[in-house]
N, C-alpha and C. Protein backbone atom coordinates (compact mmCIF):
# COMPACT_ATOMS: atom_id res chain seq x y z
N MET A 1 114.18 87.59 171.58
CA MET A 1 114.30 86.54 170.57
C MET A 1 115.55 86.79 169.73
N ALA A 2 116.28 85.70 169.42
CA ALA A 2 117.49 85.83 168.61
C ALA A 2 117.14 86.29 167.21
N ASP A 3 118.06 87.05 166.60
CA ASP A 3 117.86 87.47 165.22
C ASP A 3 117.87 86.25 164.30
N LYS A 4 117.13 86.36 163.20
CA LYS A 4 117.12 85.28 162.23
C LYS A 4 118.42 85.28 161.41
N LYS A 5 118.88 84.08 161.06
CA LYS A 5 120.03 83.91 160.19
C LYS A 5 119.54 83.62 158.78
N SER A 6 120.11 84.29 157.80
CA SER A 6 119.76 84.00 156.41
C SER A 6 120.54 82.78 155.96
N VAL A 7 119.83 81.83 155.35
CA VAL A 7 120.43 80.53 155.01
C VAL A 7 120.12 80.18 153.56
N ALA A 8 121.10 79.56 152.91
CA ALA A 8 120.91 78.99 151.57
C ALA A 8 121.17 77.50 151.63
N VAL A 9 120.41 76.73 150.87
CA VAL A 9 120.66 75.29 150.73
C VAL A 9 121.12 75.03 149.30
N ILE A 10 122.33 74.52 149.18
CA ILE A 10 122.91 74.21 147.88
C ILE A 10 122.72 72.72 147.61
N GLY A 11 121.93 72.40 146.60
CA GLY A 11 121.62 70.99 146.33
C GLY A 11 120.39 70.55 147.10
N ALA A 12 119.29 71.30 146.93
CA ALA A 12 118.11 71.09 147.79
C ALA A 12 117.23 69.92 147.36
N ASN A 13 117.50 69.34 146.20
CA ASN A 13 116.57 68.33 145.70
C ASN A 13 116.90 66.90 146.12
N GLY A 14 118.11 66.65 146.58
CA GLY A 14 118.47 65.31 147.05
C GLY A 14 117.88 65.03 148.44
N TYR A 15 118.07 63.81 148.93
CA TYR A 15 117.46 63.45 150.22
C TYR A 15 117.95 64.35 151.34
N ALA A 16 119.27 64.51 151.47
CA ALA A 16 119.81 65.33 152.56
C ALA A 16 119.40 66.78 152.40
N GLY A 17 119.50 67.31 151.17
CA GLY A 17 119.15 68.70 150.93
C GLY A 17 117.68 68.98 151.18
N ALA A 18 116.80 68.06 150.73
CA ALA A 18 115.36 68.24 150.93
C ALA A 18 115.00 68.17 152.40
N THR A 19 115.63 67.26 153.13
CA THR A 19 115.37 67.15 154.57
C THR A 19 115.80 68.42 155.29
N ALA A 20 116.99 68.92 154.95
CA ALA A 20 117.47 70.16 155.55
C ALA A 20 116.54 71.31 155.23
N THR A 21 116.06 71.37 153.99
CA THR A 21 115.15 72.44 153.58
C THR A 21 113.86 72.41 154.40
N GLN A 22 113.29 71.22 154.58
CA GLN A 22 112.07 71.09 155.38
C GLN A 22 112.28 71.58 156.81
N LEU A 23 113.40 71.20 157.41
CA LEU A 23 113.68 71.60 158.79
C LEU A 23 113.93 73.11 158.89
N LEU A 24 114.66 73.66 157.93
CA LEU A 24 114.98 75.08 157.97
C LEU A 24 113.75 75.95 157.77
N LEU A 25 112.82 75.51 156.93
CA LEU A 25 111.59 76.29 156.71
C LEU A 25 110.75 76.39 157.98
N ARG A 26 110.89 75.43 158.87
CA ARG A 26 110.12 75.43 160.12
C ARG A 26 110.88 76.08 161.28
N HIS A 27 112.15 76.37 161.08
CA HIS A 27 112.97 76.87 162.19
C HIS A 27 112.64 78.34 162.48
N PRO A 28 112.36 78.68 163.74
CA PRO A 28 111.95 80.06 164.05
C PRO A 28 113.05 81.10 163.90
N HIS A 29 114.30 80.68 163.88
CA HIS A 29 115.41 81.63 163.80
C HIS A 29 116.13 81.58 162.46
N VAL A 30 115.48 81.02 161.45
CA VAL A 30 116.09 80.89 160.12
C VAL A 30 115.21 81.58 159.08
N ASP A 31 115.87 82.32 158.19
CA ASP A 31 115.22 82.90 157.02
C ASP A 31 115.85 82.22 155.79
N LEU A 32 115.14 81.26 155.23
CA LEU A 32 115.65 80.54 154.06
C LEU A 32 115.51 81.43 152.84
N VAL A 33 116.64 81.91 152.33
CA VAL A 33 116.61 82.93 151.28
C VAL A 33 116.93 82.38 149.89
N ARG A 34 117.57 81.19 149.83
CA ARG A 34 117.91 80.65 148.51
C ARG A 34 118.02 79.13 148.58
N VAL A 35 117.54 78.49 147.52
CA VAL A 35 117.68 77.04 147.36
C VAL A 35 118.13 76.78 145.93
N THR A 36 119.02 75.81 145.75
CA THR A 36 119.54 75.56 144.41
C THR A 36 119.37 74.10 144.01
N SER A 37 119.21 73.89 142.72
CA SER A 37 119.15 72.55 142.14
C SER A 37 119.25 72.70 140.63
N ARG A 38 120.26 72.09 140.03
CA ARG A 38 120.39 72.17 138.58
C ARG A 38 119.28 71.38 137.90
N SER A 39 118.84 70.30 138.54
CA SER A 39 117.81 69.45 137.92
C SER A 39 116.45 70.13 137.87
N PHE A 40 116.16 70.97 138.88
CA PHE A 40 114.84 71.57 138.99
C PHE A 40 114.88 73.10 138.92
N ALA A 41 115.92 73.63 138.30
CA ALA A 41 116.07 75.09 138.20
C ALA A 41 114.84 75.73 137.59
N GLY A 42 114.38 76.82 138.20
CA GLY A 42 113.23 77.55 137.71
C GLY A 42 111.91 77.09 138.28
N GLN A 43 111.89 75.95 138.96
CA GLN A 43 110.66 75.45 139.56
C GLN A 43 110.51 75.95 140.99
N LYS A 44 109.28 76.02 141.46
CA LYS A 44 109.03 76.33 142.86
C LYS A 44 109.34 75.11 143.71
N LEU A 45 109.77 75.38 144.94
CA LEU A 45 110.08 74.28 145.85
C LEU A 45 108.90 73.32 145.99
N SER A 46 107.71 73.88 146.15
CA SER A 46 106.52 73.06 146.38
C SER A 46 106.22 72.15 145.18
N ASP A 47 106.64 72.55 143.99
CA ASP A 47 106.42 71.73 142.81
C ASP A 47 107.52 70.67 142.63
N ALA A 48 108.72 70.99 143.07
CA ALA A 48 109.86 70.11 142.82
C ALA A 48 110.05 69.05 143.89
N ILE A 49 109.72 69.38 145.15
CA ILE A 49 109.99 68.48 146.26
C ILE A 49 108.70 68.18 147.00
N PRO A 50 108.26 66.95 147.00
CA PRO A 50 107.01 66.58 147.69
C PRO A 50 107.06 66.90 149.18
N GLY A 51 105.96 67.41 149.70
CA GLY A 51 105.86 67.66 151.13
C GLY A 51 106.35 69.02 151.58
N ILE A 52 106.82 69.83 150.66
CA ILE A 52 107.31 71.17 151.01
C ILE A 52 106.34 72.21 150.45
N ASP A 53 105.92 73.11 151.31
CA ASP A 53 105.00 74.17 150.91
C ASP A 53 105.76 75.50 150.93
N SER A 54 106.30 75.87 149.80
CA SER A 54 107.08 77.11 149.70
C SER A 54 107.09 77.58 148.26
N ASP A 55 107.00 78.89 148.06
CA ASP A 55 107.04 79.48 146.73
C ASP A 55 108.46 79.87 146.31
N LEU A 56 109.47 79.55 147.15
CA LEU A 56 110.85 79.83 146.75
C LEU A 56 111.17 79.14 145.44
N GLU A 57 111.85 79.85 144.55
CA GLU A 57 112.22 79.27 143.26
C GLU A 57 113.63 78.71 143.32
N LEU A 58 113.79 77.52 142.82
CA LEU A 58 115.10 76.88 142.80
C LEU A 58 116.00 77.52 141.75
N VAL A 59 117.22 77.83 142.16
CA VAL A 59 118.23 78.44 141.29
C VAL A 59 119.14 77.34 140.76
N GLY A 60 119.56 77.47 139.51
CA GLY A 60 120.35 76.41 138.90
C GLY A 60 121.78 76.33 139.39
N GLU A 61 122.45 77.46 139.54
CA GLU A 61 123.87 77.47 139.92
C GLU A 61 124.04 77.40 141.44
N PRO A 62 125.12 76.76 141.92
CA PRO A 62 125.36 76.64 143.37
C PRO A 62 125.87 77.95 143.97
N ASP A 63 125.02 78.95 143.94
CA ASP A 63 125.35 80.30 144.42
C ASP A 63 124.47 80.63 145.62
N PRO A 64 125.05 80.88 146.79
CA PRO A 64 124.25 81.15 147.98
C PRO A 64 123.70 82.56 148.08
N GLY A 65 123.96 83.40 147.09
CA GLY A 65 123.47 84.77 147.16
C GLY A 65 124.06 85.51 148.34
N ASP A 66 123.21 86.15 149.13
CA ASP A 66 123.68 86.93 150.28
C ASP A 66 123.54 86.17 151.59
N ALA A 67 123.31 84.87 151.55
CA ALA A 67 123.07 84.10 152.77
C ALA A 67 124.29 84.10 153.68
N GLU A 68 124.03 84.21 154.98
CA GLU A 68 125.10 84.15 155.98
C GLU A 68 125.57 82.72 156.21
N VAL A 69 124.64 81.78 156.10
CA VAL A 69 124.93 80.37 156.35
C VAL A 69 124.65 79.59 155.08
N VAL A 70 125.58 78.72 154.70
CA VAL A 70 125.43 77.91 153.49
C VAL A 70 125.39 76.44 153.89
N VAL A 71 124.25 75.81 153.65
CA VAL A 71 124.10 74.37 153.90
C VAL A 71 124.27 73.67 152.56
N VAL A 72 125.22 72.76 152.48
CA VAL A 72 125.59 72.16 151.20
C VAL A 72 125.31 70.67 151.20
N ALA A 73 124.59 70.21 150.18
CA ALA A 73 124.29 68.78 150.04
C ALA A 73 124.60 68.37 148.61
N LEU A 74 125.89 68.31 148.31
CA LEU A 74 126.35 67.99 146.95
C LEU A 74 127.18 66.71 146.96
N PRO A 75 127.33 66.06 145.81
CA PRO A 75 128.18 64.86 145.74
C PRO A 75 129.63 65.18 146.11
N HIS A 76 130.38 64.14 146.52
CA HIS A 76 131.76 64.37 146.94
C HIS A 76 132.58 64.96 145.79
N GLY A 77 133.49 65.84 146.15
CA GLY A 77 134.34 66.50 145.17
C GLY A 77 133.84 67.85 144.73
N MET A 78 132.58 68.16 145.00
CA MET A 78 132.01 69.44 144.55
C MET A 78 132.10 70.52 145.63
N THR A 79 131.74 70.17 146.85
CA THR A 79 131.75 71.18 147.92
C THR A 79 133.16 71.69 148.18
N GLY A 80 134.12 70.81 148.15
CA GLY A 80 135.51 71.21 148.42
C GLY A 80 136.01 72.26 147.45
N GLY A 81 135.50 72.27 146.23
CA GLY A 81 135.93 73.26 145.25
C GLY A 81 135.20 74.58 145.37
N LEU A 82 134.12 74.62 146.14
CA LEU A 82 133.31 75.83 146.28
C LEU A 82 133.48 76.49 147.65
N ALA A 83 133.73 75.68 148.66
CA ALA A 83 133.67 76.18 150.04
C ALA A 83 134.74 77.22 150.36
N GLY A 84 135.89 77.15 149.69
CA GLY A 84 136.96 78.10 149.98
C GLY A 84 136.53 79.54 149.77
N ARG A 85 135.82 79.79 148.68
CA ARG A 85 135.36 81.15 148.40
C ARG A 85 134.37 81.61 149.47
N TRP A 86 133.44 80.73 149.84
CA TRP A 86 132.46 81.10 150.86
C TRP A 86 133.12 81.32 152.21
N HIS A 87 134.13 80.51 152.50
CA HIS A 87 134.88 80.68 153.74
C HIS A 87 135.58 82.04 153.76
N ASP A 88 136.17 82.42 152.64
CA ASP A 88 136.86 83.71 152.56
C ASP A 88 135.88 84.88 152.70
N GLU A 89 134.61 84.62 152.37
CA GLU A 89 133.58 85.65 152.52
C GLU A 89 132.97 85.63 153.93
N HIS A 90 133.57 84.86 154.82
CA HIS A 90 133.18 84.79 156.24
C HIS A 90 131.76 84.26 156.44
N ARG A 91 131.37 83.34 155.59
CA ARG A 91 130.09 82.67 155.78
C ARG A 91 130.31 81.41 156.62
N THR A 92 129.25 80.97 157.29
CA THR A 92 129.28 79.69 157.98
C THR A 92 128.86 78.61 156.98
N ILE A 93 129.65 77.55 156.89
CA ILE A 93 129.39 76.47 155.93
C ILE A 93 129.08 75.19 156.69
N ILE A 94 127.95 74.58 156.35
CA ILE A 94 127.58 73.28 156.92
C ILE A 94 127.50 72.29 155.76
N ASP A 95 128.44 71.37 155.71
CA ASP A 95 128.49 70.42 154.60
C ASP A 95 127.85 69.11 155.02
N LEU A 96 126.77 68.73 154.34
CA LEU A 96 126.09 67.47 154.63
C LEU A 96 126.66 66.32 153.81
N GLY A 97 127.61 66.62 152.94
CA GLY A 97 128.20 65.60 152.09
C GLY A 97 129.48 65.02 152.68
N ALA A 98 130.39 64.61 151.80
CA ALA A 98 131.56 63.85 152.24
C ALA A 98 132.87 64.63 152.23
N ASP A 99 132.89 65.81 151.64
CA ASP A 99 134.17 66.46 151.39
C ASP A 99 134.94 66.87 152.64
N PHE A 100 134.26 67.07 153.75
CA PHE A 100 134.96 67.49 154.97
C PHE A 100 134.72 66.50 156.11
N ARG A 101 134.33 65.28 155.74
CA ARG A 101 134.07 64.24 156.74
C ARG A 101 135.36 63.57 157.17
N LEU A 102 136.28 63.37 156.23
CA LEU A 102 137.56 62.73 156.52
C LEU A 102 138.64 63.81 156.58
N GLN A 103 139.30 63.95 157.71
CA GLN A 103 140.19 65.09 157.91
C GLN A 103 141.57 64.90 157.31
N ASP A 104 141.90 63.71 156.90
CA ASP A 104 143.21 63.45 156.31
C ASP A 104 143.08 63.39 154.78
N PRO A 105 143.78 64.27 154.05
CA PRO A 105 143.68 64.26 152.58
C PRO A 105 144.04 62.91 151.96
N GLU A 106 144.98 62.19 152.57
CA GLU A 106 145.37 60.89 152.03
C GLU A 106 144.26 59.86 152.21
N THR A 107 143.57 59.93 153.35
CA THR A 107 142.44 59.02 153.58
C THR A 107 141.32 59.34 152.60
N TYR A 108 141.09 60.62 152.36
CA TYR A 108 140.08 61.04 151.38
C TYR A 108 140.41 60.46 150.01
N LYS A 109 141.66 60.56 149.60
CA LYS A 109 142.07 60.06 148.29
C LYS A 109 141.93 58.54 148.21
N LYS A 110 142.22 57.87 149.32
CA LYS A 110 142.10 56.41 149.35
C LYS A 110 140.66 55.97 149.08
N TRP A 111 139.71 56.68 149.72
CA TRP A 111 138.31 56.27 149.61
C TRP A 111 137.63 56.76 148.34
N TYR A 112 137.99 57.95 147.87
CA TYR A 112 137.28 58.54 146.74
C TYR A 112 138.07 58.55 145.44
N GLY A 113 139.34 58.18 145.52
CA GLY A 113 140.12 58.02 144.31
C GLY A 113 140.62 59.29 143.66
N VAL A 114 140.44 60.43 144.32
CA VAL A 114 140.91 61.73 143.80
C VAL A 114 141.49 62.54 144.94
N ASP A 115 142.31 63.52 144.60
CA ASP A 115 142.83 64.43 145.61
C ASP A 115 141.72 65.33 146.15
N HIS A 116 141.82 65.70 147.41
CA HIS A 116 140.83 66.63 147.96
C HIS A 116 140.98 68.00 147.30
N PRO A 117 139.86 68.65 146.93
CA PRO A 117 139.95 69.93 146.22
C PRO A 117 140.57 71.06 147.04
N ASP A 118 140.51 70.98 148.37
CA ASP A 118 141.01 72.08 149.20
C ASP A 118 141.57 71.52 150.51
N PRO A 119 142.75 70.91 150.47
CA PRO A 119 143.30 70.29 151.68
C PRO A 119 143.58 71.27 152.81
N VAL A 120 143.84 72.54 152.48
CA VAL A 120 144.08 73.54 153.54
C VAL A 120 142.80 73.77 154.34
N LEU A 121 141.69 73.99 153.63
CA LEU A 121 140.42 74.18 154.32
C LEU A 121 140.00 72.92 155.03
N LEU A 122 140.32 71.76 154.47
CA LEU A 122 140.02 70.49 155.13
C LEU A 122 140.64 70.45 156.52
N GLY A 123 141.85 70.98 156.64
CA GLY A 123 142.54 71.00 157.93
C GLY A 123 141.89 71.90 158.96
N GLU A 124 141.09 72.86 158.50
CA GLU A 124 140.42 73.78 159.42
C GLU A 124 139.00 73.34 159.75
N ALA A 125 138.48 72.40 158.99
CA ALA A 125 137.07 72.00 159.17
C ALA A 125 136.88 71.23 160.47
N VAL A 126 135.70 71.38 161.05
CA VAL A 126 135.32 70.66 162.27
C VAL A 126 134.14 69.76 161.92
N PHE A 127 134.26 68.48 162.23
CA PHE A 127 133.23 67.53 161.86
C PHE A 127 132.39 67.13 163.07
N GLY A 128 131.11 67.39 163.01
CA GLY A 128 130.17 66.75 163.90
C GLY A 128 129.83 67.38 165.23
N LEU A 129 130.45 68.47 165.62
CA LEU A 129 130.13 69.10 166.90
C LEU A 129 129.64 70.53 166.64
N PRO A 130 128.33 70.72 166.50
CA PRO A 130 127.80 72.04 166.16
C PRO A 130 128.02 73.08 167.25
N GLU A 131 128.38 72.65 168.46
CA GLU A 131 128.66 73.62 169.51
C GLU A 131 129.92 74.43 169.24
N ILE A 132 130.80 73.88 168.41
CA ILE A 132 132.09 74.53 168.13
C ILE A 132 131.92 75.58 167.04
N ALA A 133 132.36 76.80 167.35
CA ALA A 133 132.29 77.89 166.37
C ALA A 133 133.50 77.89 165.45
N GLU A 134 134.69 77.75 166.04
CA GLU A 134 135.93 77.77 165.26
C GLU A 134 136.93 76.83 165.91
N ALA A 135 137.86 76.34 165.10
CA ALA A 135 138.89 75.45 165.63
C ALA A 135 140.16 75.59 164.81
N ALA A 136 141.29 75.38 165.45
CA ALA A 136 142.58 75.41 164.75
C ALA A 136 143.54 74.47 165.45
N VAL A 137 144.30 73.73 164.66
CA VAL A 137 145.33 72.85 165.19
C VAL A 137 146.69 73.44 164.87
N VAL A 138 147.55 73.53 165.88
CA VAL A 138 148.91 74.01 165.65
C VAL A 138 149.88 72.99 166.24
N GLY A 139 151.10 72.99 165.71
CA GLY A 139 152.11 72.05 166.17
C GLY A 139 152.98 72.65 167.26
N ARG A 140 153.20 71.86 168.31
CA ARG A 140 154.12 72.26 169.39
C ARG A 140 155.37 71.37 169.31
N ALA A 141 156.51 71.96 169.49
CA ALA A 141 157.77 71.23 169.37
C ALA A 141 157.80 70.03 170.32
N HIS A 142 158.28 68.89 169.78
CA HIS A 142 158.39 67.67 170.55
C HIS A 142 159.79 67.10 170.33
N PRO A 143 160.49 66.67 171.40
CA PRO A 143 161.89 66.25 171.26
C PRO A 143 162.07 64.97 170.44
N VAL A 144 161.04 64.15 170.35
CA VAL A 144 161.15 62.88 169.62
C VAL A 144 160.45 62.94 168.26
N TYR A 145 159.20 63.43 168.26
CA TYR A 145 158.37 63.40 167.05
C TYR A 145 158.48 64.66 166.19
N GLY A 146 159.21 65.64 166.66
CA GLY A 146 159.31 66.91 165.93
C GLY A 146 158.21 67.88 166.33
N GLU A 147 156.96 67.46 166.20
CA GLU A 147 155.82 68.27 166.63
C GLU A 147 154.73 67.37 167.17
N GLU A 148 153.90 67.94 168.03
CA GLU A 148 152.70 67.26 168.52
C GLU A 148 151.52 68.22 168.35
N PRO A 149 150.33 67.69 167.99
CA PRO A 149 149.19 68.56 167.71
C PRO A 149 148.51 69.09 168.97
N VAL A 150 148.21 70.40 168.93
CA VAL A 150 147.46 71.05 170.01
C VAL A 150 146.25 71.73 169.37
N LEU A 151 145.08 71.53 169.96
CA LEU A 151 143.83 72.04 169.40
C LEU A 151 143.32 73.23 170.21
N PHE A 152 142.97 74.30 169.49
CA PHE A 152 142.31 75.46 170.09
C PHE A 152 140.90 75.55 169.50
N VAL A 153 139.91 75.77 170.34
CA VAL A 153 138.53 75.91 169.85
C VAL A 153 137.84 77.06 170.56
N SER A 154 136.84 77.62 169.88
CA SER A 154 135.90 78.53 170.53
C SER A 154 134.50 77.97 170.31
N LEU A 155 133.61 78.22 171.26
CA LEU A 155 132.26 77.67 171.21
C LEU A 155 131.25 78.74 170.85
N HIS A 156 130.14 78.32 170.27
CA HIS A 156 129.02 79.23 170.09
C HIS A 156 128.49 79.64 171.46
N PRO A 157 127.81 80.79 171.55
CA PRO A 157 127.37 81.31 172.86
C PRO A 157 126.62 80.29 173.72
N GLU A 158 125.81 79.42 173.10
CA GLU A 158 125.05 78.45 173.87
C GLU A 158 125.72 77.07 173.90
N GLY A 159 126.91 76.98 173.35
CA GLY A 159 127.61 75.70 173.31
C GLY A 159 128.14 75.30 174.68
N LYS A 160 127.94 74.05 175.04
CA LYS A 160 128.40 73.55 176.33
C LYS A 160 129.18 72.26 176.10
N LEU A 161 130.48 72.41 175.95
CA LEU A 161 131.38 71.28 175.77
C LEU A 161 132.62 71.50 176.62
N ASP A 162 133.20 70.41 177.11
CA ASP A 162 134.50 70.53 177.76
C ASP A 162 135.53 69.80 176.91
N ALA A 163 136.79 69.93 177.30
CA ALA A 163 137.86 69.37 176.48
C ALA A 163 137.74 67.86 176.35
N GLU A 164 137.30 67.19 177.39
CA GLU A 164 137.20 65.73 177.34
C GLU A 164 136.11 65.28 176.37
N ALA A 165 135.00 66.00 176.31
CA ALA A 165 133.93 65.66 175.36
C ALA A 165 134.43 65.82 173.93
N ILE A 166 135.21 66.86 173.68
CA ILE A 166 135.77 67.08 172.34
C ILE A 166 136.76 65.96 172.01
N ARG A 167 137.60 65.61 172.97
CA ARG A 167 138.59 64.55 172.75
C ARG A 167 137.90 63.21 172.46
N GLU A 168 136.86 62.91 173.18
CA GLU A 168 136.14 61.66 172.97
C GLU A 168 135.53 61.60 171.57
N HIS A 169 135.01 62.73 171.12
CA HIS A 169 134.47 62.78 169.76
C HIS A 169 135.56 62.53 168.73
N LEU A 170 136.72 63.14 168.92
CA LEU A 170 137.81 63.02 167.96
C LEU A 170 138.36 61.60 167.89
N ARG A 171 138.27 60.86 168.99
CA ARG A 171 138.76 59.49 168.98
C ARG A 171 138.04 58.63 167.95
N GLY A 172 136.81 59.02 167.63
CA GLY A 172 136.05 58.25 166.67
C GLY A 172 136.38 58.56 165.22
N SER A 173 137.16 59.62 164.97
CA SER A 173 137.43 60.01 163.58
C SER A 173 138.90 60.21 163.25
N LEU A 174 139.78 60.19 164.26
CA LEU A 174 141.20 60.40 164.02
C LEU A 174 142.02 59.22 164.50
N SER A 175 143.11 58.94 163.80
CA SER A 175 144.04 57.93 164.29
C SER A 175 144.75 58.47 165.55
N LYS A 176 145.29 57.57 166.33
CA LYS A 176 145.83 57.93 167.64
C LYS A 176 146.91 59.01 167.55
N TYR A 177 147.79 58.89 166.54
CA TYR A 177 148.91 59.84 166.46
C TYR A 177 148.46 61.24 166.05
N LYS A 178 147.22 61.36 165.52
CA LYS A 178 146.71 62.68 165.13
C LYS A 178 145.85 63.33 166.21
N LEU A 179 145.55 62.60 167.26
CA LEU A 179 144.74 63.18 168.33
C LEU A 179 145.51 64.30 169.02
N PRO A 180 144.86 65.43 169.30
CA PRO A 180 145.56 66.52 170.00
C PRO A 180 145.97 66.10 171.40
N VAL A 181 147.17 66.47 171.78
CA VAL A 181 147.64 66.14 173.12
C VAL A 181 147.08 67.12 174.15
N GLU A 182 146.58 68.22 173.65
CA GLU A 182 146.02 69.24 174.54
C GLU A 182 144.91 69.99 173.80
N ILE A 183 143.84 70.31 174.51
CA ILE A 183 142.72 71.05 173.92
C ILE A 183 142.45 72.26 174.79
N THR A 184 142.47 73.44 174.17
CA THR A 184 142.20 74.69 174.89
C THR A 184 140.95 75.34 174.33
N ILE A 185 139.99 75.62 175.20
CA ILE A 185 138.75 76.30 174.80
C ILE A 185 138.89 77.78 175.12
N MET A 186 138.73 78.63 174.10
CA MET A 186 138.89 80.07 174.25
C MET A 186 137.57 80.77 173.94
N ASP A 187 137.42 81.99 174.41
CA ASP A 187 136.24 82.78 174.07
C ASP A 187 136.22 83.09 172.57
N ASP A 188 137.37 83.47 172.03
CA ASP A 188 137.51 83.76 170.61
C ASP A 188 138.92 83.37 170.18
N LEU A 189 139.06 82.87 168.98
CA LEU A 189 140.39 82.60 168.44
C LEU A 189 140.93 83.87 167.80
N PRO A 190 142.23 84.13 167.95
CA PRO A 190 142.81 85.36 167.37
C PRO A 190 142.72 85.35 165.86
N LYS A 191 142.54 86.53 165.28
CA LYS A 191 142.41 86.67 163.83
C LYS A 191 143.52 87.58 163.29
N ASN A 192 143.85 87.36 162.02
CA ASN A 192 144.80 88.26 161.37
C ASN A 192 144.04 89.38 160.66
N ALA A 193 144.74 90.18 159.87
CA ALA A 193 144.14 91.37 159.27
C ALA A 193 143.03 91.06 158.28
N VAL A 194 143.05 89.85 157.70
CA VAL A 194 142.01 89.50 156.72
C VAL A 194 140.93 88.61 157.33
N GLY A 195 140.95 88.47 158.66
CA GLY A 195 139.88 87.75 159.33
C GLY A 195 140.07 86.26 159.49
N LYS A 196 141.24 85.73 159.08
CA LYS A 196 141.49 84.31 159.25
C LYS A 196 142.15 84.05 160.60
N ILE A 197 142.03 82.80 161.06
CA ILE A 197 142.61 82.43 162.35
C ILE A 197 144.12 82.63 162.30
N ALA A 198 144.64 83.34 163.30
CA ALA A 198 146.07 83.69 163.34
C ALA A 198 146.83 82.58 164.08
N LYS A 199 147.25 81.57 163.33
CA LYS A 199 147.96 80.46 163.96
C LYS A 199 149.29 80.87 164.60
N PRO A 200 150.03 81.85 164.03
CA PRO A 200 151.25 82.28 164.72
C PRO A 200 150.98 82.78 166.15
N GLU A 201 149.85 83.45 166.35
CA GLU A 201 149.50 83.91 167.69
C GLU A 201 149.23 82.73 168.62
N LEU A 202 148.59 81.70 168.08
CA LEU A 202 148.33 80.52 168.90
C LEU A 202 149.63 79.80 169.24
N ARG A 203 150.57 79.76 168.29
CA ARG A 203 151.85 79.10 168.56
C ARG A 203 152.61 79.80 169.67
N LYS A 204 152.49 81.13 169.73
CA LYS A 204 153.16 81.88 170.80
C LYS A 204 152.67 81.45 172.17
N ARG A 205 151.41 81.06 172.25
CA ARG A 205 150.84 80.61 173.53
C ARG A 205 151.45 79.29 173.99
N LEU A 206 152.04 78.56 173.05
CA LEU A 206 152.56 77.24 173.38
C LEU A 206 154.02 77.26 173.82
N VAL A 207 154.68 78.39 173.61
CA VAL A 207 156.10 78.47 173.94
C VAL A 207 156.30 78.20 175.43
N GLY A 208 157.12 77.20 175.72
CA GLY A 208 157.43 76.88 177.11
C GLY A 208 156.33 76.18 177.88
N THR A 209 155.29 75.68 177.16
CA THR A 209 154.17 75.05 177.89
C THR A 209 154.30 73.54 177.99
N ARG A 210 155.28 72.97 177.27
CA ARG A 210 155.37 71.51 177.32
C ARG A 210 156.08 71.06 178.59
């Protein structure tokens, strides 16, 4: 049996957060260790959210504690300001809100009227394909456009996707000129000394490949 993952739900009292909490409490490979809600801080889950039977106490601040996985269900503009720290701590972040749904910072600003809180992390986020463990886009030299996007991904151990399935998914969320011209699936993406994806190493793989 797979080891259990420790999980926190940030914003557990809203519809998305409460639904996620219910599912996670029943999941055989999840240990739900923290739930947060400013509105219901100090209350037990079973008292604050109908239909949930749990003595976990809701914490007021959006702090995941020691959880390995952070499930976030906060209004737009909030997750983007918090996720960078959790990402640097090498946690897995699953955002159920809007902050990482639109991959273009300008499109985000158009719809929400504010700048994205973390456009760099937005560029690394993957929307909608849970089989993907990590992803990075790098630019390859192009004689006309200057650069063309190339996507590198690694999959979770049980993930079963091919490049065409990933491309088809991206067609639904990216404009044509932002679609990667090439998708490479790797066992693991290279990392630098601080554990972040080493894009210079990926660029070296592209030299002379066009």
